[in-house]
Amino acid sequence: MPRFTTVLFDLDGTLIDHFAAIHRCHAHTMATLGLPPPTLAQVRAAVGGGLEAAIERIAGPEHVAAAVPIYRAYWETIVLDDVALLPGARELLTMLHARGAKLAVFTNKLGSSSRLICEHLGIASLLDGNFGAKDTEWIKPAAEFAAHALAEIGAAPATTVLIGDSPYDVQAAHNGGFPCWVVTTGTHSAEELRAAGADAVFANLTALGAALTS
């Protein structure tokens, strides 16, 4: 491998496509509150910074407290619906694992959901850790969340890279003291990601993997 011996992965938009279920859950939540349902495009633009931030962007801060428990309860019933690995994800994880890299999911998705999904998709055995919302008091982009994840798997910032798809990932990596390589398979365009300070931008995991392992 190149200098990276630890690779952290964001989940939604990076390793998996779960936006259909996420959109359905937000639509259910808004309908329950008597609010207009968001479009898929609105949901894609809102996610990444944690559930509360997404709801605030979709419905406004005044609805967050009421919306969160509705969303969480419904999410538990559909958490494994319409979820799939993005092209190249399994191959990249398998290749890095075979090379001895430390691998972990580092997400603002609920940690319990992230671990359940990775088991469901058959990639949990390739991971050294899986860190998400509510596992600690922090979420991305807090530097403490990155430090916690690296400490748990015995890794150092100097040999770590975060693979993500959003400015939250870029900020989280830089706050943690390591670079962020991004793909445009998630919520933001190449231009937006470059403007956010991404260290490298790729169209997909296949292209990123080729650069990472060359």
N, C-alpha and C. Protein backbone atom coordinates (compact mmCIF):
# COMPACT_ATOMS: atom_id res chain seq x y z
N MET A 1 0.83 -1.20 0.00
CA MET A 1 0.00 0.00 0.00
C MET A 1 0.86 1.24 0.00
N PRO A 2 0.31 2.36 -0.43
CA PRO A 2 0.97 3.64 -0.20
C PRO A 2 1.07 3.92 1.29
N ARG A 3 1.23 5.17 1.66
CA ARG A 3 1.50 5.52 3.05
C ARG A 3 0.30 5.29 3.97
N PHE A 4 -0.88 5.08 3.41
CA PHE A 4 -2.07 4.89 4.24
C PHE A 4 -2.18 3.43 4.68
N THR A 5 -2.10 3.22 5.98
CA THR A 5 -2.29 1.87 6.52
C THR A 5 -3.61 1.75 7.26
N THR A 6 -4.31 2.87 7.40
CA THR A 6 -5.66 2.88 7.98
C THR A 6 -6.58 3.64 7.04
N VAL A 7 -7.72 3.04 6.73
CA VAL A 7 -8.69 3.69 5.84
C VAL A 7 -10.04 3.72 6.54
N LEU A 8 -10.54 4.92 6.79
CA LEU A 8 -11.87 5.12 7.33
C LEU A 8 -12.83 5.38 6.18
N PHE A 9 -14.02 4.83 6.26
CA PHE A 9 -15.02 5.00 5.22
C PHE A 9 -16.30 5.61 5.78
N ASP A 10 -16.75 6.69 5.16
CA ASP A 10 -18.13 7.10 5.37
C ASP A 10 -19.03 5.99 4.83
N LEU A 11 -20.30 6.02 5.19
CA LEU A 11 -21.20 4.93 4.78
C LEU A 11 -22.13 5.37 3.64
N ASP A 12 -23.13 6.19 3.93
CA ASP A 12 -24.11 6.58 2.90
C ASP A 12 -23.45 7.41 1.81
N GLY A 13 -23.67 7.00 0.58
CA GLY A 13 -23.13 7.73 -0.56
C GLY A 13 -21.69 7.39 -0.87
N THR A 14 -21.04 6.66 0.04
CA THR A 14 -19.64 6.27 -0.16
C THR A 14 -19.54 4.76 -0.35
N LEU A 15 -19.96 4.00 0.65
CA LEU A 15 -19.96 2.55 0.53
C LEU A 15 -21.32 2.00 0.11
N ILE A 16 -22.40 2.68 0.50
CA ILE A 16 -23.73 2.15 0.24
C ILE A 16 -24.65 3.20 -0.37
N ASP A 17 -25.69 2.71 -1.04
CA ASP A 17 -26.81 3.54 -1.46
C ASP A 17 -28.01 3.15 -0.62
N HIS A 18 -28.46 4.07 0.22
CA HIS A 18 -29.60 3.82 1.11
C HIS A 18 -30.59 4.97 1.04
N PHE A 19 -30.46 5.79 -0.01
CA PHE A 19 -31.22 7.03 -0.05
C PHE A 19 -32.72 6.81 -0.23
N ALA A 20 -33.13 5.72 -0.88
CA ALA A 20 -34.57 5.48 -1.05
C ALA A 20 -35.24 5.30 0.30
N ALA A 21 -34.62 4.51 1.18
CA ALA A 21 -35.20 4.28 2.51
C ALA A 21 -35.12 5.54 3.37
N ILE A 22 -34.01 6.26 3.28
CA ILE A 22 -33.87 7.50 4.05
C ILE A 22 -34.94 8.51 3.62
N HIS A 23 -35.15 8.62 2.32
CA HIS A 23 -36.18 9.54 1.82
C HIS A 23 -37.56 9.12 2.32
N ARG A 24 -37.85 7.82 2.26
CA ARG A 24 -39.15 7.32 2.71
C ARG A 24 -39.36 7.64 4.19
N CYS A 25 -38.32 7.54 4.98
CA CYS A 25 -38.43 7.81 6.41
C CYS A 25 -38.68 9.29 6.68
N HIS A 26 -37.98 10.15 5.97
CA HIS A 26 -38.23 11.59 6.12
C HIS A 26 -39.64 11.96 5.66
N ALA A 27 -40.08 11.35 4.56
CA ALA A 27 -41.43 11.64 4.06
C ALA A 27 -42.49 11.20 5.08
N HIS A 28 -42.29 10.02 5.67
CA HIS A 28 -43.21 9.54 6.71
C HIS A 28 -43.23 10.50 7.89
N THR A 29 -42.06 10.94 8.30
CA THR A 29 -41.96 11.83 9.45
C THR A 29 -42.67 13.14 9.20
N MET A 30 -42.44 13.74 8.04
CA MET A 30 -43.08 15.02 7.73
C MET A 30 -44.60 14.85 7.61
N ALA A 31 -45.04 13.75 7.00
CA ALA A 31 -46.49 13.53 6.87
C ALA A 31 -47.14 13.37 8.24
N THR A 32 -46.46 12.69 9.15
CA THR A 32 -46.98 12.50 10.51
C THR A 32 -47.15 13.84 11.22
N LEU A 33 -46.26 14.76 10.93
CA LEU A 33 -46.32 16.09 11.53
C LEU A 33 -47.21 17.05 10.76
N GLY A 34 -47.82 16.57 9.66
CA GLY A 34 -48.68 17.44 8.85
C GLY A 34 -47.91 18.41 7.99
N LEU A 35 -46.67 18.06 7.67
CA LEU A 35 -45.82 18.93 6.86
C LEU A 35 -45.65 18.32 5.47
N PRO A 36 -45.32 19.15 4.48
CA PRO A 36 -45.14 18.60 3.13
C PRO A 36 -43.95 17.67 3.06
N PRO A 37 -44.08 16.56 2.36
CA PRO A 37 -42.96 15.62 2.26
C PRO A 37 -41.84 16.19 1.39
N PRO A 38 -40.60 15.92 1.74
CA PRO A 38 -39.49 16.42 0.93
C PRO A 38 -39.30 15.56 -0.31
N THR A 39 -38.69 16.14 -1.32
CA THR A 39 -38.30 15.36 -2.49
C THR A 39 -37.03 14.58 -2.17
N LEU A 40 -36.74 13.60 -3.02
CA LEU A 40 -35.49 12.86 -2.85
C LEU A 40 -34.30 13.79 -2.97
N ALA A 41 -34.36 14.74 -3.87
CA ALA A 41 -33.26 15.69 -4.03
C ALA A 41 -33.06 16.52 -2.76
N GLN A 42 -34.15 16.92 -2.12
CA GLN A 42 -34.04 17.68 -0.88
C GLN A 42 -33.40 16.86 0.23
N VAL A 43 -33.76 15.59 0.30
CA VAL A 43 -33.19 14.71 1.31
C VAL A 43 -31.70 14.50 1.06
N ARG A 44 -31.34 14.23 -0.18
CA ARG A 44 -29.92 14.04 -0.51
C ARG A 44 -29.10 15.27 -0.14
N ALA A 45 -29.67 16.44 -0.35
CA ALA A 45 -28.95 17.67 -0.04
C ALA A 45 -28.86 17.94 1.45
N ALA A 46 -29.78 17.34 2.23
CA ALA A 46 -29.86 17.64 3.66
C ALA A 46 -29.01 16.72 4.52
N VAL A 47 -28.74 15.50 4.06
CA VAL A 47 -28.10 14.51 4.93
C VAL A 47 -26.59 14.72 5.00
N GLY A 48 -25.99 14.04 5.98
CA GLY A 48 -24.54 14.06 6.13
C GLY A 48 -24.06 14.59 7.46
N GLY A 49 -24.82 15.48 8.04
CA GLY A 49 -24.41 16.09 9.29
C GLY A 49 -25.12 15.55 10.52
N GLY A 50 -25.79 14.41 10.35
CA GLY A 50 -26.55 13.83 11.45
C GLY A 50 -28.04 14.08 11.26
N LEU A 51 -28.86 13.28 11.93
CA LEU A 51 -30.30 13.33 11.73
C LEU A 51 -30.89 14.69 12.09
N GLU A 52 -30.50 15.23 13.23
CA GLU A 52 -31.08 16.50 13.66
C GLU A 52 -30.81 17.61 12.64
N ALA A 53 -29.60 17.64 12.11
CA ALA A 53 -29.25 18.66 11.12
C ALA A 53 -30.06 18.46 9.84
N ALA A 54 -30.28 17.21 9.45
CA ALA A 54 -31.06 16.95 8.24
C ALA A 54 -32.50 17.40 8.41
N ILE A 55 -33.09 17.09 9.55
CA ILE A 55 -34.47 17.49 9.79
C ILE A 55 -34.58 19.02 9.84
N GLU A 56 -33.61 19.65 10.45
CA GLU A 56 -33.64 21.12 10.52
C GLU A 56 -33.60 21.72 9.12
N ARG A 57 -32.82 21.13 8.23
CA ARG A 57 -32.76 21.65 6.87
C ARG A 57 -34.04 21.39 6.10
N ILE A 58 -34.67 20.28 6.37
CA ILE A 58 -35.89 19.92 5.64
C ILE A 58 -37.11 20.67 6.18
N ALA A 59 -37.24 20.76 7.50
CA ALA A 59 -38.48 21.26 8.10
C ALA A 59 -38.32 22.50 8.95
N GLY A 60 -37.09 22.85 9.29
CA GLY A 60 -36.87 23.99 10.17
C GLY A 60 -36.58 23.56 11.59
N PRO A 61 -35.84 24.37 12.34
CA PRO A 61 -35.43 23.99 13.70
C PRO A 61 -36.58 23.77 14.66
N GLU A 62 -37.71 24.40 14.40
CA GLU A 62 -38.84 24.29 15.33
C GLU A 62 -39.47 22.89 15.32
N HIS A 63 -39.15 22.07 14.31
CA HIS A 63 -39.76 20.75 14.22
C HIS A 63 -38.81 19.61 14.60
N VAL A 64 -37.57 19.93 14.92
CA VAL A 64 -36.59 18.87 15.17
C VAL A 64 -36.98 17.99 16.35
N ALA A 65 -37.34 18.59 17.46
CA ALA A 65 -37.62 17.81 18.68
C ALA A 65 -38.77 16.83 18.46
N ALA A 66 -39.81 17.24 17.74
CA ALA A 66 -40.95 16.36 17.51
C ALA A 66 -40.64 15.33 16.44
N ALA A 67 -39.81 15.69 15.48
CA ALA A 67 -39.57 14.82 14.33
C ALA A 67 -38.62 13.67 14.65
N VAL A 68 -37.63 13.90 15.48
CA VAL A 68 -36.60 12.88 15.71
C VAL A 68 -37.19 11.56 16.21
N PRO A 69 -38.03 11.54 17.24
CA PRO A 69 -38.56 10.24 17.70
C PRO A 69 -39.44 9.56 16.66
N ILE A 70 -40.17 10.33 15.86
CA ILE A 70 -40.99 9.73 14.80
C ILE A 70 -40.09 9.06 13.77
N TYR A 71 -39.05 9.77 13.37
CA TYR A 71 -38.12 9.22 12.40
C TYR A 71 -37.46 7.96 12.94
N ARG A 72 -36.94 8.03 14.17
CA ARG A 72 -36.23 6.89 14.74
C ARG A 72 -37.12 5.65 14.82
N ALA A 73 -38.35 5.83 15.24
CA ALA A 73 -39.26 4.69 15.39
C ALA A 73 -39.56 4.04 14.04
N TYR A 74 -39.82 4.86 13.03
CA TYR A 74 -40.11 4.31 11.71
C TYR A 74 -38.86 3.69 11.09
N TRP A 75 -37.72 4.33 11.32
CA TRP A 75 -36.46 3.83 10.76
C TRP A 75 -36.19 2.40 11.22
N GLU A 76 -36.50 2.10 12.45
CA GLU A 76 -36.26 0.75 12.97
C GLU A 76 -37.02 -0.31 12.18
N THR A 77 -38.10 0.07 11.53
CA THR A 77 -38.91 -0.89 10.77
C THR A 77 -38.44 -1.05 9.33
N ILE A 78 -37.60 -0.12 8.83
CA ILE A 78 -37.20 -0.19 7.42
C ILE A 78 -35.68 -0.14 7.24
N VAL A 79 -34.93 -0.31 8.32
CA VAL A 79 -33.50 -0.06 8.29
C VAL A 79 -32.76 -0.90 7.24
N LEU A 80 -33.26 -2.08 6.92
CA LEU A 80 -32.58 -2.93 5.94
C LEU A 80 -33.25 -2.90 4.56
N ASP A 81 -34.21 -2.00 4.40
CA ASP A 81 -34.89 -1.89 3.10
C ASP A 81 -34.02 -1.14 2.09
N ASP A 82 -34.03 -1.59 0.87
CA ASP A 82 -33.47 -0.84 -0.26
C ASP A 82 -32.04 -0.37 -0.01
N VAL A 83 -31.22 -1.22 0.58
CA VAL A 83 -29.83 -0.86 0.83
C VAL A 83 -28.93 -1.77 0.00
N ALA A 84 -27.93 -1.19 -0.63
CA ALA A 84 -27.02 -1.96 -1.47
C ALA A 84 -25.64 -1.33 -1.45
N LEU A 85 -24.63 -2.17 -1.58
CA LEU A 85 -23.27 -1.66 -1.73
C LEU A 85 -23.13 -0.94 -3.06
N LEU A 86 -22.40 0.15 -3.06
CA LEU A 86 -22.10 0.84 -4.30
C LEU A 86 -21.07 0.05 -5.10
N PRO A 87 -21.05 0.20 -6.42
CA PRO A 87 -20.07 -0.53 -7.24
C PRO A 87 -18.64 -0.29 -6.76
N GLY A 88 -17.90 -1.37 -6.63
CA GLY A 88 -16.51 -1.29 -6.23
C GLY A 88 -16.28 -1.35 -4.74
N ALA A 89 -17.33 -1.23 -3.92
CA ALA A 89 -17.15 -1.17 -2.47
C ALA A 89 -16.60 -2.48 -1.91
N ARG A 90 -17.26 -3.58 -2.25
CA ARG A 90 -16.82 -4.87 -1.71
C ARG A 90 -15.40 -5.20 -2.18
N GLU A 91 -15.14 -4.93 -3.45
CA GLU A 91 -13.83 -5.24 -4.01
C GLU A 91 -12.72 -4.43 -3.33
N LEU A 92 -12.98 -3.15 -3.09
CA LEU A 92 -11.98 -2.31 -2.44
C LEU A 92 -11.74 -2.74 -1.00
N LEU A 93 -12.81 -2.98 -0.26
CA LEU A 93 -12.65 -3.43 1.12
C LEU A 93 -11.90 -4.75 1.20
N THR A 94 -12.23 -5.66 0.32
CA THR A 94 -11.57 -6.97 0.31
C THR A 94 -10.09 -6.83 -0.01
N MET A 95 -9.76 -6.00 -0.98
CA MET A 95 -8.38 -5.81 -1.37
C MET A 95 -7.56 -5.17 -0.23
N LEU A 96 -8.11 -4.14 0.37
CA LEU A 96 -7.40 -3.46 1.46
C LEU A 96 -7.23 -4.38 2.66
N HIS A 97 -8.28 -5.15 2.97
CA HIS A 97 -8.21 -6.09 4.08
C HIS A 97 -7.12 -7.13 3.83
N ALA A 98 -7.03 -7.62 2.61
CA ALA A 98 -6.01 -8.61 2.27
C ALA A 98 -4.60 -8.04 2.39
N ARG A 99 -4.47 -6.75 2.19
CA ARG A 99 -3.17 -6.10 2.29
C ARG A 99 -2.80 -5.74 3.72
N GLY A 100 -3.69 -6.01 4.65
CA GLY A 100 -3.39 -5.77 6.06
C GLY A 100 -3.75 -4.40 6.57
N ALA A 101 -4.51 -3.63 5.79
CA ALA A 101 -4.91 -2.30 6.24
C ALA A 101 -5.95 -2.41 7.36
N LYS A 102 -5.95 -1.42 8.24
CA LYS A 102 -7.01 -1.30 9.23
C LYS A 102 -8.15 -0.54 8.58
N LEU A 103 -9.34 -1.09 8.66
CA LEU A 103 -10.51 -0.53 8.00
C LEU A 103 -11.62 -0.29 9.01
N ALA A 104 -12.30 0.85 8.87
CA ALA A 104 -13.43 1.13 9.76
C ALA A 104 -14.44 2.01 9.06
N VAL A 105 -15.69 1.82 9.41
CA VAL A 105 -16.75 2.73 8.98
C VAL A 105 -16.81 3.87 9.99
N PHE A 106 -16.92 5.09 9.47
CA PHE A 106 -16.90 6.31 10.28
C PHE A 106 -18.02 7.19 9.74
N THR A 107 -19.18 7.14 10.39
CA THR A 107 -20.41 7.68 9.81
C THR A 107 -21.20 8.49 10.81
N ASN A 108 -22.05 9.37 10.29
CA ASN A 108 -23.02 10.05 11.13
C ASN A 108 -24.36 9.33 11.12
N LYS A 109 -24.45 8.20 10.45
CA LYS A 109 -25.62 7.34 10.58
C LYS A 109 -25.61 6.74 11.99
N LEU A 110 -26.76 6.41 12.50
CA LEU A 110 -26.84 5.79 13.81
C LEU A 110 -25.91 4.58 13.86
N GLY A 111 -25.05 4.51 14.86
CA GLY A 111 -24.06 3.46 14.92
C GLY A 111 -24.67 2.06 14.90
N SER A 112 -25.76 1.87 15.62
CA SER A 112 -26.40 0.55 15.63
C SER A 112 -26.92 0.18 14.25
N SER A 113 -27.45 1.17 13.52
CA SER A 113 -27.91 0.91 12.15
C SER A 113 -26.74 0.57 11.24
N SER A 114 -25.65 1.32 11.38
CA SER A 114 -24.47 1.08 10.54
C SER A 114 -23.94 -0.33 10.71
N ARG A 115 -23.85 -0.78 11.94
CA ARG A 115 -23.34 -2.14 12.20
C ARG A 115 -24.29 -3.20 11.67
N LEU A 116 -25.59 -2.99 11.83
CA LEU A 116 -26.58 -3.93 11.33
C LEU A 116 -26.52 -4.02 9.81
N ILE A 117 -26.39 -2.89 9.15
CA ILE A 117 -26.33 -2.85 7.68
C ILE A 117 -25.07 -3.54 7.17
N CYS A 118 -23.95 -3.28 7.81
CA CYS A 118 -22.70 -3.91 7.36
C CYS A 118 -22.74 -5.43 7.54
N GLU A 119 -23.37 -5.89 8.60
CA GLU A 119 -23.58 -7.33 8.76
C GLU A 119 -24.48 -7.86 7.65
N HIS A 120 -25.55 -7.17 7.39
CA HIS A 120 -26.52 -7.57 6.38
C HIS A 120 -25.88 -7.66 5.00
N LEU A 121 -24.97 -6.74 4.70
CA LEU A 121 -24.33 -6.70 3.38
C LEU A 121 -23.08 -7.57 3.30
N GLY A 122 -22.71 -8.19 4.41
CA GLY A 122 -21.60 -9.13 4.39
C GLY A 122 -20.22 -8.50 4.38
N ILE A 123 -20.09 -7.29 4.93
CA ILE A 123 -18.78 -6.64 4.95
C ILE A 123 -18.25 -6.43 6.37
N ALA A 124 -19.02 -6.79 7.37
CA ALA A 124 -18.61 -6.54 8.76
C ALA A 124 -17.30 -7.24 9.10
N SER A 125 -17.09 -8.42 8.53
CA SER A 125 -15.88 -9.19 8.85
C SER A 125 -14.62 -8.55 8.29
N LEU A 126 -14.77 -7.60 7.39
CA LEU A 126 -13.62 -6.92 6.80
C LEU A 126 -13.22 -5.69 7.59
N LEU A 127 -14.02 -5.33 8.59
CA LEU A 127 -13.83 -4.08 9.32
C LEU A 127 -13.21 -4.30 10.69
N ASP A 128 -12.36 -3.36 11.09
CA ASP A 128 -11.78 -3.35 12.44
C ASP A 128 -12.60 -2.51 13.40
N GLY A 129 -13.52 -1.72 12.87
CA GLY A 129 -14.36 -0.89 13.71
C GLY A 129 -15.51 -0.32 12.91
N ASN A 130 -16.54 0.15 13.61
CA ASN A 130 -17.70 0.73 12.96
C ASN A 130 -18.29 1.75 13.92
N PHE A 131 -18.09 3.03 13.62
CA PHE A 131 -18.40 4.11 14.55
C PHE A 131 -19.44 5.03 13.95
N GLY A 132 -20.52 5.28 14.71
CA GLY A 132 -21.59 6.11 14.21
C GLY A 132 -22.21 6.99 15.28
N ALA A 133 -23.29 7.66 14.90
CA ALA A 133 -23.99 8.55 15.82
C ALA A 133 -24.52 7.77 17.02
N LYS A 134 -24.47 8.41 18.16
CA LYS A 134 -24.92 7.89 19.45
C LYS A 134 -23.95 6.88 20.07
N ASP A 135 -22.88 6.50 19.35
CA ASP A 135 -21.86 5.66 19.98
C ASP A 135 -21.04 6.46 20.98
N THR A 136 -20.89 7.75 20.72
CA THR A 136 -20.21 8.68 21.61
C THR A 136 -21.05 9.94 21.67
N GLU A 137 -20.55 10.93 22.35
CA GLU A 137 -21.26 12.21 22.38
C GLU A 137 -20.98 13.05 21.13
N TRP A 138 -20.10 12.57 20.24
CA TRP A 138 -19.68 13.36 19.09
C TRP A 138 -20.20 12.77 17.79
N ILE A 139 -20.27 13.61 16.76
CA ILE A 139 -20.45 13.16 15.39
C ILE A 139 -19.48 13.96 14.52
N LYS A 140 -19.32 13.54 13.27
CA LYS A 140 -18.51 14.33 12.34
C LYS A 140 -19.11 15.72 12.19
N PRO A 141 -18.31 16.76 12.16
CA PRO A 141 -16.86 16.77 11.96
C PRO A 141 -16.03 16.98 13.23
N ALA A 142 -16.54 16.62 14.41
CA ALA A 142 -15.80 16.85 15.65
C ALA A 142 -14.47 16.10 15.65
N ALA A 143 -13.41 16.80 15.99
CA ALA A 143 -12.09 16.17 16.06
C ALA A 143 -12.07 15.03 17.08
N GLU A 144 -12.86 15.17 18.14
CA GLU A 144 -12.89 14.14 19.17
C GLU A 144 -13.44 12.81 18.65
N PHE A 145 -14.37 12.89 17.71
CA PHE A 145 -14.94 11.67 17.14
C PHE A 145 -13.89 10.92 16.32
N ALA A 146 -13.12 11.66 15.54
CA ALA A 146 -12.03 11.05 14.77
C ALA A 146 -10.98 10.46 15.69
N ALA A 147 -10.62 11.19 16.73
CA ALA A 147 -9.61 10.69 17.67
C ALA A 147 -10.09 9.42 18.36
N HIS A 148 -11.37 9.38 18.71
CA HIS A 148 -11.94 8.19 19.34
C HIS A 148 -11.85 6.99 18.41
N ALA A 149 -12.25 7.17 17.16
CA ALA A 149 -12.22 6.05 16.21
C ALA A 149 -10.82 5.51 16.03
N LEU A 150 -9.85 6.39 15.86
CA LEU A 150 -8.47 5.95 15.66
C LEU A 150 -7.93 5.26 16.91
N ALA A 151 -8.25 5.78 18.08
CA ALA A 151 -7.78 5.15 19.32
C ALA A 151 -8.36 3.75 19.48
N GLU A 152 -9.62 3.58 19.10
CA GLU A 152 -10.28 2.29 19.25
C GLU A 152 -9.66 1.21 18.38
N ILE A 153 -9.15 1.59 17.21
CA ILE A 153 -8.57 0.58 16.32
C ILE A 153 -7.04 0.62 16.31
N GLY A 154 -6.46 1.45 17.18
CA GLY A 154 -5.01 1.50 17.31
C GLY A 154 -4.32 2.09 16.11
N ALA A 155 -4.85 3.19 15.59
CA ALA A 155 -4.31 3.82 14.39
C ALA A 155 -3.84 5.23 14.70
N ALA A 156 -3.05 5.78 13.77
CA ALA A 156 -2.49 7.12 13.93
C ALA A 156 -2.92 8.00 12.76
N PRO A 157 -3.15 9.30 13.01
CA PRO A 157 -3.55 10.20 11.92
C PRO A 157 -2.56 10.23 10.75
N ALA A 158 -1.27 10.11 11.05
CA ALA A 158 -0.25 10.25 10.00
C ALA A 158 -0.36 9.19 8.91
N THR A 159 -0.98 8.06 9.21
CA THR A 159 -1.09 6.98 8.22
C THR A 159 -2.55 6.66 7.89
N THR A 160 -3.44 7.64 8.10
CA THR A 160 -4.88 7.44 7.91
C THR A 160 -5.40 8.30 6.77
N VAL A 161 -6.38 7.78 6.04
CA VAL A 161 -7.14 8.56 5.07
C VAL A 161 -8.62 8.25 5.29
N LEU A 162 -9.45 9.27 5.13
CA LEU A 162 -10.90 9.09 5.19
C LEU A 162 -11.45 9.15 3.78
N ILE A 163 -12.26 8.16 3.43
CA ILE A 163 -12.96 8.13 2.15
C ILE A 163 -14.39 8.56 2.40
N GLY A 164 -14.84 9.62 1.72
CA GLY A 164 -16.18 10.12 1.96
C GLY A 164 -16.81 10.71 0.72
N ASP A 165 -17.91 11.44 0.92
CA ASP A 165 -18.63 12.01 -0.23
C ASP A 165 -19.18 13.39 0.05
N SER A 166 -18.80 14.01 1.18
CA SER A 166 -19.41 15.28 1.53
C SER A 166 -18.41 16.22 2.21
N PRO A 167 -18.73 17.51 2.25
CA PRO A 167 -17.89 18.44 2.99
C PRO A 167 -17.76 18.10 4.47
N TYR A 168 -18.77 17.43 5.05
CA TYR A 168 -18.65 16.99 6.44
C TYR A 168 -17.47 16.03 6.59
N ASP A 169 -17.31 15.15 5.60
CA ASP A 169 -16.19 14.20 5.65
C ASP A 169 -14.86 14.93 5.53
N VAL A 170 -14.80 15.88 4.63
CA VAL A 170 -13.56 16.65 4.45
C VAL A 170 -13.19 17.36 5.75
N GLN A 171 -14.16 18.03 6.35
CA GLN A 171 -13.90 18.76 7.58
C GLN A 171 -13.54 17.81 8.72
N ALA A 172 -14.22 16.67 8.80
CA ALA A 172 -13.93 15.70 9.86
C ALA A 172 -12.51 15.18 9.74
N ALA A 173 -12.09 14.85 8.52
CA ALA A 173 -10.73 14.35 8.32
C ALA A 173 -9.70 15.41 8.68
N HIS A 174 -9.88 16.60 8.19
CA HIS A 174 -8.91 17.66 8.45
C HIS A 174 -8.87 18.03 9.93
N ASN A 175 -10.04 18.02 10.58
CA ASN A 175 -10.05 18.26 12.03
C ASN A 175 -9.30 17.16 12.77
N GLY A 176 -9.34 15.95 12.21
CA GLY A 176 -8.67 14.82 12.83
C GLY A 176 -7.20 14.71 12.49
N GLY A 177 -6.73 15.54 11.55
CA GLY A 177 -5.32 15.55 11.21
C GLY A 177 -4.92 14.62 10.09
N PHE A 178 -5.86 14.26 9.21
CA PHE A 178 -5.53 13.37 8.09
C PHE A 178 -6.31 13.79 6.86
N PRO A 179 -5.90 13.32 5.67
CA PRO A 179 -6.55 13.75 4.43
C PRO A 179 -7.88 13.07 4.19
N CYS A 180 -8.62 13.63 3.24
CA CYS A 180 -9.92 13.07 2.84
C CYS A 180 -9.95 12.94 1.33
N TRP A 181 -10.11 11.71 0.86
CA TRP A 181 -10.36 11.43 -0.55
C TRP A 181 -11.85 11.21 -0.71
N VAL A 182 -12.44 11.77 -1.75
CA VAL A 182 -13.89 11.73 -1.88
C VAL A 182 -14.33 11.16 -3.22
N VAL A 183 -15.56 10.64 -3.23
CA VAL A 183 -16.22 10.18 -4.44
C VAL A 183 -17.47 11.02 -4.67
N THR A 184 -17.89 11.07 -5.92
CA THR A 184 -19.06 11.87 -6.27
C THR A 184 -20.31 11.01 -6.44
N THR A 185 -20.33 9.87 -5.76
CA THR A 185 -21.47 8.96 -5.82
C THR A 185 -22.53 9.27 -4.77
N GLY A 186 -22.30 10.31 -3.97
CA GLY A 186 -23.21 10.61 -2.86
C GLY A 186 -23.97 11.89 -3.03
N THR A 187 -23.67 12.86 -2.20
CA THR A 187 -24.53 14.04 -2.08
C THR A 187 -23.96 15.31 -2.68
N HIS A 188 -22.71 15.29 -3.17
CA HIS A 188 -22.10 16.53 -3.64
C HIS A 188 -21.31 16.31 -4.92
N SER A 189 -21.22 17.38 -5.69
CA SER A 189 -20.51 17.34 -6.96
C SER A 189 -19.01 17.47 -6.74
N ALA A 190 -18.26 17.17 -7.79
CA ALA A 190 -16.81 17.31 -7.73
C ALA A 190 -16.42 18.76 -7.41
N GLU A 191 -17.12 19.70 -8.01
CA GLU A 191 -16.81 21.11 -7.77
C GLU A 191 -17.05 21.49 -6.31
N GLU A 192 -18.15 21.04 -5.75
CA GLU A 192 -18.46 21.33 -4.35
C GLU A 192 -17.42 20.71 -3.42
N LEU A 193 -16.99 19.50 -3.75
CA LEU A 193 -16.03 18.80 -2.89
C LEU A 193 -14.65 19.42 -2.98
N ARG A 194 -14.27 19.85 -4.17
CA ARG A 194 -12.98 20.55 -4.29
C ARG A 194 -13.02 21.87 -3.52
N ALA A 195 -14.14 22.58 -3.63
CA ALA A 195 -14.28 23.84 -2.90
C ALA A 195 -14.23 23.63 -1.40
N ALA A 196 -14.67 22.47 -0.95
CA ALA A 196 -14.64 22.15 0.49
C ALA A 196 -13.24 21.76 0.96
N GLY A 197 -12.32 21.55 0.03
CA GLY A 197 -10.95 21.24 0.42
C GLY A 197 -10.57 19.78 0.33
N ALA A 198 -11.36 18.97 -0.39
CA ALA A 198 -11.02 17.55 -0.54
C ALA A 198 -9.61 17.39 -1.10
N ASP A 199 -8.89 16.41 -0.59
CA ASP A 199 -7.51 16.20 -1.01
C ASP A 199 -7.41 15.48 -2.35
N ALA A 200 -8.43 14.72 -2.71
CA ALA A 200 -8.50 14.07 -4.02
C ALA A 200 -9.96 13.76 -4.29
N VAL A 201 -10.37 13.86 -5.56
CA VAL A 201 -11.76 13.65 -5.94
C VAL A 201 -11.82 12.60 -7.04
N PHE A 202 -12.73 11.64 -6.90
CA PHE A 202 -12.86 10.55 -7.85
C PHE A 202 -14.33 10.35 -8.21
N ALA A 203 -14.57 9.79 -9.39
CA ALA A 203 -15.93 9.56 -9.84
C ALA A 203 -16.61 8.44 -9.06
N ASN A 204 -15.82 7.47 -8.59
CA ASN A 204 -16.40 6.31 -7.92
C ASN A 204 -15.30 5.56 -7.16
N LEU A 205 -15.70 4.53 -6.45
CA LEU A 205 -14.74 3.76 -5.64
C LEU A 205 -13.76 2.97 -6.49
N THR A 206 -14.16 2.58 -7.67
CA THR A 206 -13.25 1.83 -8.53
C THR A 206 -12.06 2.72 -8.91
N ALA A 207 -12.34 3.94 -9.31
CA ALA A 207 -11.26 4.87 -9.66
C ALA A 207 -10.43 5.23 -8.44
N LEU A 208 -11.10 5.46 -7.32
CA LEU A 208 -10.37 5.77 -6.09
C LEU A 208 -9.48 4.61 -5.67
N GLY A 209 -10.01 3.40 -5.73
CA GLY A 209 -9.24 2.24 -5.32
C GLY A 209 -8.00 2.05 -6.16
N ALA A 210 -8.11 2.33 -7.45
CA ALA A 210 -6.96 2.20 -8.32
C ALA A 210 -5.84 3.15 -7.90
N ALA A 211 -6.22 4.36 -7.51
CA ALA A 211 -5.23 5.34 -7.06
C ALA A 211 -4.68 4.98 -5.69
N LEU A 212 -5.55 4.48 -4.83
CA LEU A 212 -5.14 4.17 -3.46
C LEU A 212 -4.20 3.00 -3.38
N THR A 213 -4.35 2.05 -4.28
CA THR A 213 -3.57 0.82 -4.20
C THR A 213 -2.49 0.71 -5.27
N SER A 214 -2.30 1.78 -6.05
CA SER A 214 -1.29 1.72 -7.11
C SER A 214 0.12 1.91 -6.55
